[in-house]
Amino acid sequence: MHVIDDSCIACGACSDSCPSGAIDMDDNVGHFSIDPDKCTDCGDCVDACPMGSISEG
């Protein structure tokens, strides 16, 4: 599974790139987060993130 760290600037590029709809804004942390139950580990979000905020967790 992939995770988004605190360097996320909430631009939404990862969410737009996710084919499984696993990435949504998490108001509790102030940036996007990945739902592990929906994530298919395709890695599209990693390539889409301009900040390099997404890694395997």
PDB file of N, CA and C in Angstrom:
ATOM      1  N   MET A   1       0.830  -1.180   0.000  1.00  0.00           N
ATOM      2  CA  MET A   1       0.000   0.000   0.000  1.00  0.00           C
ATOM      3  C   MET A   1       0.873   1.242   0.000  1.00  0.00           C
ATOM      4  N   HIS A   2       0.367   2.290  -0.578  1.00  0.00           N
ATOM      5  CA  HIS A   2       1.071   3.561  -0.606  1.00  0.00           C
ATOM      6  C   HIS A   2       0.492   4.501   0.456  1.00  0.00           C
ATOM      7  N   VAL A   3       1.320   5.426   0.920  1.00  0.00           N
ATOM      8  CA  VAL A   3       0.902   6.418   1.910  1.00  0.00           C
ATOM      9  C   VAL A   3       1.351   7.799   1.451  1.00  0.00           C
ATOM     10  N   ILE A   4       0.645   8.814   1.936  1.00  0.00           N
ATOM     11  CA  ILE A   4       0.956  10.203   1.626  1.00  0.00           C
ATOM     12  C   ILE A   4       1.482  10.864   2.887  1.00  0.00           C
ATOM     13  N   ASP A   5       2.658  11.498   2.782  1.00  0.00           N
ATOM     14  CA  ASP A   5       3.240  12.119   3.973  1.00  0.00           C
ATOM     15  C   ASP A   5       2.842  13.594   4.088  1.00  0.00           C
ATOM     16  N   ASP A   6       3.353  14.269   5.119  1.00  0.00           N
ATOM     17  CA  ASP A   6       2.979  15.642   5.431  1.00  0.00           C
ATOM     18  C   ASP A   6       3.493  16.677   4.439  1.00  0.00           C
ATOM     19  N   SER A   7       4.312  16.271   3.468  1.00  0.00           N
ATOM     20  CA  SER A   7       4.773  17.246   2.473  1.00  0.00           C
ATOM     21  C   SER A   7       3.715  17.478   1.390  1.00  0.00           C
ATOM     22  N   CYS A   8       2.596  16.767   1.467  1.00  0.00           N
ATOM     23  CA  CYS A   8       1.482  16.928   0.524  1.00  0.00           C
ATOM     24  C   CYS A   8       0.971  18.365   0.576  1.00  0.00           C
ATOM     25  N   ILE A   9       0.791  18.970  -0.610  1.00  0.00           N
ATOM     26  CA  ILE A   9       0.267  20.331  -0.687  1.00  0.00           C
ATOM     27  C   ILE A   9      -1.206  20.357  -1.084  1.00  0.00           C
ATOM     28  N   ALA A  10      -1.858  19.196  -1.092  1.00  0.00           N
ATOM     29  CA  ALA A  10      -3.287  19.057  -1.374  1.00  0.00           C
ATOM     30  C   ALA A  10      -3.670  19.598  -2.746  1.00  0.00           C
ATOM     31  N   CYS A  11      -2.832  19.328  -3.744  1.00  0.00           N
ATOM     32  CA  CYS A  11      -3.113  19.813  -5.100  1.00  0.00           C
ATOM     33  C   CYS A  11      -4.145  18.948  -5.815  1.00  0.00           C
ATOM     34  N   GLY A  12      -4.292  17.691  -5.397  1.00  0.00           N
ATOM     35  CA  GLY A  12      -5.283  16.798  -5.975  1.00  0.00           C
ATOM     36  C   GLY A  12      -4.813  15.978  -7.157  1.00  0.00           C
ATOM     37  N   ALA A  13      -3.558  16.131  -7.568  1.00  0.00           N
ATOM     38  CA  ALA A  13      -3.048  15.372  -8.713  1.00  0.00           C
ATOM     39  C   ALA A  13      -3.123  13.874  -8.467  1.00  0.00           C
ATOM     40  N   CYS A  14      -2.838  13.452  -7.262  1.00  0.00           N
ATOM     41  CA  CYS A  14      -2.882  12.018  -6.940  1.00  0.00           C
ATOM     42  C   CYS A  14      -4.302  11.489  -7.039  1.00  0.00           C
ATOM     43  N   SER A  15      -5.237  12.224  -6.486  1.00  0.00           N
ATOM     44  CA  SER A  15      -6.632  11.806  -6.512  1.00  0.00           C
ATOM     45  C   SER A  15      -7.146  11.707  -7.943  1.00  0.00           C
ATOM     46  N   ASP A  16      -6.784  12.676  -8.767  1.00  0.00           N
ATOM     47  CA  ASP A  16      -7.206  12.669 -10.163  1.00  0.00           C
ATOM     48  C   ASP A  16      -6.630  11.480 -10.925  1.00  0.00           C
ATOM     49  N   SER A  17      -5.455  11.011 -10.519  1.00  0.00           N
ATOM     50  CA  SER A  17      -4.787   9.934 -11.241  1.00  0.00           C
ATOM     51  C   SER A  17      -5.182   8.540 -10.771  1.00  0.00           C
ATOM     52  N   CYS A  18      -5.869   8.447  -9.657  1.00  0.00           N
ATOM     53  CA  CYS A  18      -6.172   7.142  -9.048  1.00  0.00           C
ATOM     54  C   CYS A  18      -7.342   6.444  -9.746  1.00  0.00           C
ATOM     55  N   PRO A  19      -7.062   5.312 -10.411  1.00  0.00           N
ATOM     56  CA  PRO A  19      -8.132   4.610 -11.130  1.00  0.00           C
ATOM     57  C   PRO A  19      -9.140   3.897 -10.219  1.00  0.00           C
ATOM     58  N   SER A  20      -8.773   3.684  -8.959  1.00  0.00           N
ATOM     59  CA  SER A  20      -9.682   2.972  -8.054  1.00  0.00           C
ATOM     60  C   SER A  20     -10.415   3.897  -7.092  1.00  0.00           C
ATOM     61  N   GLY A  21     -10.183   5.203  -7.191  1.00  0.00           N
ATOM     62  CA  GLY A  21     -10.875   6.151  -6.317  1.00  0.00           C
ATOM     63  C   GLY A  21     -10.494   6.010  -4.863  1.00  0.00           C
ATOM     64  N   ALA A  22      -9.252   5.640  -4.604  1.00  0.00           N
ATOM     65  CA  ALA A  22      -8.810   5.376  -3.235  1.00  0.00           C
ATOM     66  C   ALA A  22      -8.268   6.599  -2.511  1.00  0.00           C
ATOM     67  N   ILE A  23      -8.165   7.733  -3.192  1.00  0.00           N
ATOM     68  CA  ILE A  23      -7.534   8.899  -2.584  1.00  0.00           C
ATOM     69  C   ILE A  23      -8.537  10.035  -2.432  1.00  0.00           C
ATOM     70  N   ASP A  24      -8.689  10.499  -1.197  1.00  0.00           N
ATOM     71  CA  ASP A  24      -9.607  11.588  -0.872  1.00  0.00           C
ATOM     72  C   ASP A  24      -8.958  12.549   0.109  1.00  0.00           C
ATOM     73  N   MET A  25      -9.505  13.759   0.175  1.00  0.00           N
ATOM     74  CA  MET A  25      -9.028  14.740   1.148  1.00  0.00           C
ATOM     75  C   MET A  25      -9.375  14.245   2.543  1.00  0.00           C
ATOM     76  N   ASP A  26      -8.406  14.322   3.439  1.00  0.00           N
ATOM     77  CA  ASP A  26      -8.605  13.944   4.840  1.00  0.00           C
ATOM     78  C   ASP A  26      -8.491  15.205   5.674  1.00  0.00           C
ATOM     79  N   ASP A  27      -9.619  15.762   6.061  1.00  0.00           N
ATOM     80  CA  ASP A  27      -9.623  17.010   6.813  1.00  0.00           C
ATOM     81  C   ASP A  27      -8.951  16.877   8.170  1.00  0.00           C
ATOM     82  N   ASN A  28      -8.856  15.669   8.696  1.00  0.00           N
ATOM     83  CA  ASN A  28      -8.210  15.460   9.989  1.00  0.00           C
ATOM     84  C   ASN A  28      -6.709  15.692   9.937  1.00  0.00           C
ATOM     85  N   VAL A  29      -6.091  15.466   8.767  1.00  0.00           N
ATOM     86  CA  VAL A  29      -4.644  15.667   8.640  1.00  0.00           C
ATOM     87  C   VAL A  29      -4.305  16.844   7.733  1.00  0.00           C
ATOM     88  N   GLY A  30      -5.305  17.403   7.042  1.00  0.00           N
ATOM     89  CA  GLY A  30      -5.085  18.585   6.217  1.00  0.00           C
ATOM     90  C   GLY A  30      -4.499  18.313   4.846  1.00  0.00           C
ATOM     91  N   HIS A  31      -4.502  17.054   4.422  1.00  0.00           N
ATOM     92  CA  HIS A  31      -4.057  16.712   3.080  1.00  0.00           C
ATOM     93  C   HIS A  31      -4.728  15.426   2.638  1.00  0.00           C
ATOM     94  N   PHE A  32      -4.418  14.980   1.438  1.00  0.00           N
ATOM     95  CA  PHE A  32      -5.030  13.766   0.916  1.00  0.00           C
ATOM     96  C   PHE A  32      -4.502  12.533   1.641  1.00  0.00           C
ATOM     97  N   SER A  33      -5.315  11.478   1.640  1.00  0.00           N
ATOM     98  CA  SER A  33      -4.892  10.200   2.202  1.00  0.00           C
ATOM     99  C   SER A  33      -5.433   9.076   1.327  1.00  0.00           C
ATOM    100  N   ILE A  34      -4.823   7.908   1.463  1.00  0.00           N
ATOM    101  CA  ILE A  34      -5.157   6.757   0.634  1.00  0.00           C
ATOM    102  C   ILE A  34      -5.892   5.717   1.464  1.00  0.00           C
ATOM    103  N   ASP A  35      -7.038   5.280   0.963  1.00  0.00           N
ATOM    104  CA  ASP A  35      -7.828   4.243   1.618  1.00  0.00           C
ATOM    105  C   ASP A  35      -7.190   2.888   1.289  1.00  0.00           C
ATOM    106  N   PRO A  36      -6.640   2.209   2.286  1.00  0.00           N
ATOM    107  CA  PRO A  36      -5.950   0.940   2.021  1.00  0.00           C
ATOM    108  C   PRO A  36      -6.865  -0.157   1.489  1.00  0.00           C
ATOM    109  N   ASP A  37      -8.155  -0.053   1.760  1.00  0.00           N
ATOM    110  CA  ASP A  37      -9.092  -1.061   1.272  1.00  0.00           C
ATOM    111  C   ASP A  37      -9.394  -0.904  -0.219  1.00  0.00           C
ATOM    112  N   LYS A  38      -9.181   0.294  -0.751  1.00  0.00           N
ATOM    113  CA  LYS A  38      -9.448   0.548  -2.167  1.00  0.00           C
ATOM    114  C   LYS A  38      -8.176   0.577  -3.009  1.00  0.00           C
ATOM    115  N   CYS A  39      -7.031   0.844  -2.398  1.00  0.00           N
ATOM    116  CA  CYS A  39      -5.762   0.980  -3.118  1.00  0.00           C
ATOM    117  C   CYS A  39      -5.359  -0.351  -3.750  1.00  0.00           C
ATOM    118  N   THR A  40      -5.006  -0.303  -5.032  1.00  0.00           N
ATOM    119  CA  THR A  40      -4.575  -1.512  -5.746  1.00  0.00           C
ATOM    120  C   THR A  40      -3.066  -1.535  -5.962  1.00  0.00           C
ATOM    121  N   ASP A  41      -2.345  -0.587  -5.384  1.00  0.00           N
ATOM    122  CA  ASP A  41      -0.885  -0.493  -5.500  1.00  0.00           C
ATOM    123  C   ASP A  41      -0.401  -0.339  -6.938  1.00  0.00           C
ATOM    124  N   CYS A  42      -1.168   0.369  -7.763  1.00  0.00           N
ATOM    125  CA  CYS A  42      -0.776   0.544  -9.161  1.00  0.00           C
ATOM    126  C   CYS A  42       0.389   1.521  -9.313  1.00  0.00           C
ATOM    127  N   GLY A  43       0.521   2.484  -8.371  1.00  0.00           N
ATOM    128  CA  GLY A  43       1.611   3.444  -8.412  1.00  0.00           C
ATOM    129  C   GLY A  43       1.358   4.679  -9.253  1.00  0.00           C
ATOM    130  N   ASP A  44       0.176   4.805  -9.845  1.00  0.00           N
ATOM    131  CA  ASP A  44      -0.125   5.991 -10.652  1.00  0.00           C
ATOM    132  C   ASP A  44      -0.009   7.271  -9.835  1.00  0.00           C
ATOM    133  N   CYS A  45      -0.394   7.219  -8.583  1.00  0.00           N
ATOM    134  CA  CYS A  45      -0.340   8.398  -7.720  1.00  0.00           C
ATOM    135  C   CYS A  45       1.092   8.848  -7.461  1.00  0.00           C
ATOM    136  N   VAL A  46       1.993   7.901  -7.338  1.00  0.00           N
ATOM    137  CA  VAL A  46       3.409   8.219  -7.099  1.00  0.00           C
ATOM    138  C   VAL A  46       3.947   9.050  -8.246  1.00  0.00           C
ATOM    139  N   ASP A  47       3.650   8.636  -9.466  1.00  0.00           N
ATOM    140  CA  ASP A  47       4.094   9.369 -10.643  1.00  0.00           C
ATOM    141  C   ASP A  47       3.417  10.720 -10.789  1.00  0.00           C
ATOM    142  N   ALA A  48       2.176  10.845 -10.329  1.00  0.00           N
ATOM    143  CA  ALA A  48       1.410  12.080 -10.476  1.00  0.00           C
ATOM    144  C   ALA A  48       1.785  13.157  -9.455  1.00  0.00           C
ATOM    145  N   CYS A  49       2.307  12.760  -8.314  1.00  0.00           N
ATOM    146  CA  CYS A  49       2.561  13.719  -7.222  1.00  0.00           C
ATOM    147  C   CYS A  49       3.757  14.613  -7.534  1.00  0.00           C
ATOM    148  N   PRO A  50       3.534  15.927  -7.636  1.00  0.00           N
ATOM    149  CA  PRO A  50       4.641  16.850  -7.945  1.00  0.00           C
ATOM    150  C   PRO A  50       5.598  17.060  -6.769  1.00  0.00           C
ATOM    151  N   MET A  51       5.181  16.686  -5.559  1.00  0.00           N
ATOM    152  CA  MET A  51       5.990  16.909  -4.368  1.00  0.00           C
ATOM    153  C   MET A  51       6.757  15.663  -3.919  1.00  0.00           C
ATOM    154  N   GLY A  52       6.491  14.524  -4.537  1.00  0.00           N
ATOM    155  CA  GLY A  52       7.136  13.280  -4.096  1.00  0.00           C
ATOM    156  C   GLY A  52       6.658  12.867  -2.721  1.00  0.00           C
ATOM    157  N   SER A  53       5.411  13.151  -2.408  1.00  0.00           N
ATOM    158  CA  SER A  53       4.858  12.902  -1.074  1.00  0.00           C
ATOM    159  C   SER A  53       4.339  11.495  -0.871  1.00  0.00           C
ATOM    160  N   ILE A  54       4.345  10.673  -1.923  1.00  0.00           N
ATOM    161  CA  ILE A  54       3.743   9.353  -1.834  1.00  0.00           C
ATOM    162  C   ILE A  54       4.805   8.280  -1.944  1.00  0.00           C
ATOM    163  N   SER A  55       4.748   7.347  -1.018  1.00  0.00           N
ATOM    164  CA  SER A  55       5.705   6.251  -1.017  1.00  0.00           C
ATOM    165  C   SER A  55       5.019   4.972  -0.549  1.00  0.00           C
ATOM    166  N   GLU A  56       5.703   3.849  -0.704  1.00  0.00           N
ATOM    167  CA  GLU A  56       5.147   2.607  -0.191  1.00  0.00           C
ATOM    168  C   GLU A  56       5.250   2.613   1.314  1.00  0.00           C
ATOM    169  N   GLY A  57       4.170   2.253   1.959  1.00  0.00           N
ATOM    170  CA  GLY A  57       4.149   2.312   3.405  1.00  0.00           C
ATOM    171  C   GLY A  57       4.151   0.988   4.072  1.00  0.00           C
TER     172      GLY A  57
END
